[in-house]
Every structure is written in structure tokens, then in C-alpha cells.
Amino acid sequence: MTLLVKDNFSEQAESIRKSVIAEGFGDEVGPDGFNYTGINKSEATDLVDKVGGFVEEFDMKMSFFRLNLQGEMPHSYVHSDEICADWAGLLYLNPVETSRGGTAFWRHKQMKWDRLPDDDEVEALGLSQEEFGEQLSEDWKKQELWEMSGFIGMKFNRFLVYPTKVFHSRYPHEGFGQDGNDGRLVWVCFFNGQINYSE
């Protein structure tokens, strides 16, 4: 799995955090049709420019801030985001005193896949793409079918990039905190392009 981690990503991280919390959060329906809580779609020009600085043929598809609070659980224990773009980026915005967990990557215990399989791998199972998609959507909801294959810890102003096809989740799965001041706060973006790892 190809990952990129950049610490101390933005000089504006602290002011961005304060601004987003002050603006507040709402609900949005995602590309997958699910309703998502704790969304702030404020423009993040500084952050987008930072990403574009190390990506050739950069094409930002979507970006938003996400707040997850205590008691909130994801729609699935594991998922992928390939419908959004080729790459996902995640900027952690919790200060050290409220940082908890991070991002986990998962492998299917039986099939040994850590990302969406190629078409020929699906065909080898004797399933249509539709049948496979339905089965995978069900498997994502069953935590016992998965084993953790990697983990990146939350750290203020740490930016993580990974292919959207990999199976992943926030971890722990449940949100934390009571509001924007102590809840799990991240900036999420999805983009296409060629990553320059030397930057």
C-alpha cells in the first residue's frame, strides 16, 4: 500500500481549526447516498494549494471538514472511497490534548484483500460486478471479517494520503468529544494526479 504522511503540513492549521469550529457544522448527503453529520464545506484554499504543491496534474474533486462526536458510529466498519477520486487526503486537526486514535487500514481475513480487487479477480470468483459489490457492502458491516493491516496515529497538523481503493476506517470507530472543541476534527479531500514523493 502506498502511503504519504506529512507532519507540520500547514502554517495556518491552528487558525483554520478555530475558524471552522466557529462556523459550525451541518449534514450533507455524500456521493454514496448516505447522510453524513458534522460537515463544514468552507473553502480551504491554503490546504488545497498545499496539496497541489506536490501533485502533478492536480485535480481536486472534493474537500470538507468533518466533526465526529461521542456516540457517532460510521455506516460501515470498513469502506473504500474509489467513487470520489484516485487519492484521499486527511488532515488531523485535534490538538495533542484531544487527539485519540487515527486511521486504520484493513485486510479481509478470508480473501486477503486490502483494497478493491481488479475486475479479473472478481471474475475468478464467478461473481458479476454487481453481485460482488453487494457482497462487499455487507462484509464492510461485519467487523469480525477484517484484520487491521496498518495504522496511522492522529497528530495535530499531520496530513495523510492514501489510494481511495484501500480498505480503511477511522479508529476507534466511535467518535469522541462533546463539540468542536474536543471532538474528532479532520479535513478530508479527494483528488486525482501524480504524487511527487520527493516533495
Protein backbone atom coordinates (compact mmCIF):
# COMPACT_ATOMS: atom_id res chain seq x y z
CA MET A 1 0.00 0.00 0.00
CA THR A 2 1.36 3.43 -0.95
CA LEU A 3 1.02 5.99 1.83
CA LEU A 4 2.30 9.52 2.25
CA VAL A 5 2.50 11.22 5.65
CA LYS A 6 3.44 14.88 6.03
CA ASP A 7 3.73 16.38 9.51
CA ASN A 8 3.52 20.14 10.16
CA PHE A 9 1.53 20.35 6.95
CA SER A 10 0.14 23.89 7.10
CA GLU A 11 1.28 27.04 8.92
CA GLN A 12 -2.40 28.03 9.01
CA ALA A 13 -3.64 24.86 10.73
CA GLU A 14 -4.41 26.49 14.08
CA SER A 15 -6.32 29.44 12.58
CA ILE A 16 -8.16 27.10 10.19
CA ARG A 17 -9.24 24.95 13.13
CA LYS A 18 -10.57 27.93 15.07
CA SER A 19 -12.41 29.31 12.04
CA VAL A 20 -14.09 26.02 11.18
CA ILE A 21 -15.25 25.46 14.77
CA ALA A 22 -16.67 28.98 14.91
CA GLU A 23 -18.58 28.49 11.65
CA GLY A 24 -20.21 25.26 12.80
CA PHE A 25 -21.28 22.05 11.09
CA GLY A 26 -24.29 20.59 9.28
CA ASP A 27 -25.48 17.46 7.48
CA GLU A 28 -24.67 16.51 3.89
CA VAL A 29 -25.60 13.61 1.61
CA GLY A 30 -22.45 12.00 0.22
CA PRO A 31 -21.77 10.51 -3.24
CA ASP A 32 -22.71 7.12 -1.80
CA GLY A 33 -26.20 8.35 -0.87
CA PHE A 34 -25.59 8.20 2.90
CA ASN A 35 -26.29 11.16 5.16
CA TYR A 36 -23.19 12.49 6.93
CA THR A 37 -23.26 14.62 10.07
CA GLY A 38 -20.71 17.17 11.21
CA ILE A 39 -19.83 18.57 7.79
CA ASN A 40 -18.34 22.00 7.10
CA LYS A 41 -17.74 22.77 3.41
CA SER A 42 -15.83 26.03 3.87
CA GLU A 43 -13.22 26.75 1.25
CA ALA A 44 -9.79 25.58 2.36
CA THR A 45 -7.66 27.44 -0.18
CA ASP A 46 -4.43 27.21 1.81
CA LEU A 47 -4.81 23.47 2.29
CA VAL A 48 -5.80 22.81 -1.33
CA ASP A 49 -2.77 24.81 -2.50
CA LYS A 50 -0.53 22.77 -0.20
CA VAL A 51 -1.77 19.52 -1.75
CA GLY A 52 -1.41 20.89 -5.26
CA GLY A 53 2.20 21.72 -4.46
CA PHE A 54 3.27 18.06 -4.51
CA VAL A 55 0.80 16.61 -7.04
CA GLU A 56 1.34 16.82 -10.80
CA GLU A 57 -1.76 17.25 -12.99
CA PHE A 58 -3.58 18.05 -9.75
CA ASP A 59 -7.38 17.88 -9.85
CA MET A 60 -9.22 18.42 -6.55
CA LYS A 61 -12.60 16.70 -6.67
CA MET A 62 -13.98 17.37 -3.20
CA SER A 63 -12.96 18.72 0.21
CA PHE A 64 -14.69 19.32 3.52
CA PHE A 65 -14.15 19.38 7.27
CA ARG A 66 -15.66 16.58 9.36
CA LEU A 67 -16.51 16.51 13.05
CA ASN A 68 -17.35 13.20 14.78
CA LEU A 69 -18.68 13.30 18.34
CA GLN A 70 -19.14 10.78 21.12
CA GLY A 71 -21.71 8.11 20.28
CA GLU A 72 -21.42 8.58 16.49
CA MET A 73 -20.62 5.41 14.56
CA PRO A 74 -19.77 5.06 10.85
CA HIS A 75 -22.17 3.49 8.33
CA SER A 76 -19.72 0.56 7.99
CA TYR A 77 -16.72 -0.65 9.99
CA VAL A 78 -14.63 -0.70 6.81
CA HIS A 79 -15.01 1.08 3.47
CA SER A 80 -13.26 2.45 0.38
CA ASP A 81 -13.75 5.77 -1.42
CA GLU A 82 -13.00 4.94 -5.05
CA ILE A 83 -16.19 6.67 -6.25
CA CYS A 84 -14.71 10.00 -5.12
CA ALA A 85 -11.28 10.11 -6.84
CA ASP A 86 -7.97 8.23 -7.04
CA TRP A 87 -6.49 9.64 -3.83
CA ALA A 88 -7.79 10.57 -0.39
CA GLY A 89 -6.14 13.12 1.89
CA LEU A 90 -6.81 13.55 5.60
CA LEU A 91 -5.53 16.37 7.82
CA TYR A 92 -5.83 15.83 11.57
CA LEU A 93 -6.88 18.99 13.39
CA ASN A 94 -7.09 17.86 17.01
CA PRO A 95 -4.51 19.37 19.40
CA VAL A 96 -2.49 16.94 21.50
CA GLU A 97 -4.83 17.12 24.49
CA THR A 98 -7.82 15.90 22.43
CA SER A 99 -6.02 13.60 19.99
CA ARG A 100 -7.20 10.00 20.03
CA GLY A 101 -6.73 7.10 17.64
CA GLY A 102 -6.16 7.74 13.96
CA THR A 103 -6.80 5.93 10.67
CA ALA A 104 -6.79 2.15 10.35
CA PHE A 105 -6.29 0.05 7.23
CA TRP A 106 -7.89 -3.36 6.91
CA ARG A 107 -7.47 -6.74 5.20
CA HIS A 108 -10.30 -9.18 4.55
CA LYS A 109 -9.47 -12.28 6.59
CA GLN A 110 -10.77 -14.78 4.04
CA MET A 111 -9.96 -13.12 0.71
CA LYS A 112 -6.74 -11.43 1.91
CA TRP A 113 -7.58 -8.25 0.01
CA ASP A 114 -6.54 -4.92 1.49
CA ARG A 115 -8.11 -2.93 -1.36
CA LEU A 116 -10.73 -3.29 -4.05
CA PRO A 117 -9.73 -6.22 -6.31
CA ASP A 118 -9.22 -5.91 -10.06
CA ASP A 119 -12.01 -6.97 -12.41
CA ASP A 120 -10.30 -10.27 -13.26
CA GLU A 121 -10.05 -11.15 -9.56
CA VAL A 122 -13.78 -10.58 -9.19
CA GLU A 123 -14.48 -12.68 -12.30
CA ALA A 124 -12.39 -15.51 -10.83
CA LEU A 125 -14.93 -15.68 -8.01
CA GLY A 126 -17.70 -16.33 -10.51
CA LEU A 127 -19.50 -13.13 -9.50
CA SER A 128 -20.75 -10.19 -11.53
CA GLN A 129 -19.54 -6.75 -10.51
CA GLU A 130 -23.00 -6.03 -9.11
CA GLU A 131 -23.05 -9.24 -7.06
CA PHE A 132 -19.56 -8.59 -5.76
CA GLY A 133 -20.43 -5.01 -4.81
CA GLU A 134 -23.46 -6.17 -2.85
CA GLN A 135 -21.42 -8.83 -1.03
CA LEU A 136 -18.62 -6.40 -0.20
CA SER A 137 -21.08 -3.83 1.14
CA GLU A 138 -22.38 -6.49 3.52
CA ASP A 139 -18.87 -7.59 4.54
CA TRP A 140 -17.92 -4.00 5.38
CA LYS A 141 -20.54 -4.06 8.14
CA LYS A 142 -19.12 -7.20 9.81
CA GLN A 143 -16.13 -6.29 11.93
CA GLU A 144 -15.22 -9.94 12.58
CA LEU A 145 -14.34 -10.45 8.89
CA TRP A 146 -11.47 -7.95 8.99
CA GLU A 147 -7.98 -7.71 10.45
CA MET A 148 -6.02 -4.47 10.80
CA SER A 149 -3.17 -4.26 8.30
CA GLY A 150 -1.88 -0.79 9.15
CA PHE A 151 -2.46 2.25 11.32
CA ILE A 152 -1.51 5.94 11.24
CA GLY A 153 -1.89 7.79 14.53
CA MET A 154 -3.64 11.12 14.86
CA LYS A 155 -1.32 14.10 15.33
CA PHE A 156 -2.18 17.77 15.00
CA ASN A 157 -1.37 19.12 11.52
CA ARG A 158 -0.41 15.68 10.16
CA PHE A 159 -1.56 15.09 6.57
CA LEU A 160 -2.12 11.53 5.36
CA VAL A 161 -2.59 10.50 1.71
CA TYR A 162 -3.65 7.03 0.54
CA PRO A 163 -5.29 5.41 -2.53
CA THR A 164 -9.06 5.52 -2.28
CA LYS A 165 -9.29 1.82 -3.21
CA VAL A 166 -7.71 0.67 0.05
CA PHE A 167 -10.00 -0.57 2.81
CA HIS A 168 -9.85 1.78 5.77
CA SER A 169 -11.76 3.46 8.58
CA ARG A 170 -11.35 5.95 11.36
CA TYR A 171 -10.15 4.22 14.50
CA PRO A 172 -11.56 3.90 17.04
CA HIS A 173 -14.80 3.72 15.06
CA GLU A 174 -16.86 5.73 17.53
CA GLY A 175 -16.43 9.49 17.54
CA PHE A 176 -15.44 11.30 20.73
CA GLY A 177 -15.91 14.61 22.49
CA GLN A 178 -18.95 16.80 23.04
CA ASP A 179 -18.44 19.60 20.48
CA GLY A 180 -15.96 21.13 18.06
CA ASN A 181 -13.50 21.90 20.84
CA ASP A 182 -12.87 18.28 21.83
CA GLY A 183 -14.47 16.17 19.08
CA ARG A 184 -12.63 14.37 16.27
CA LEU A 185 -11.93 17.07 13.67
CA VAL A 186 -10.32 16.44 10.28
CA TRP A 187 -10.10 17.98 6.84
CA VAL A 188 -10.88 15.44 4.12
CA CYS A 189 -10.09 15.81 0.43
CA PHE A 190 -10.29 13.63 -2.66
CA PHE A 191 -8.16 14.31 -5.73
CA ASN A 192 -6.56 12.91 -8.88
CA GLY A 193 -3.00 13.38 -10.09
CA GLN A 194 0.54 12.05 -9.82
CA ILE A 195 2.11 12.36 -6.38
CA ASN A 196 5.67 13.62 -6.14
CA TYR A 197 7.04 11.73 -3.12
CA SER A 198 10.29 13.75 -3.10
CA GLU A 199 8.50 16.95 -2.11
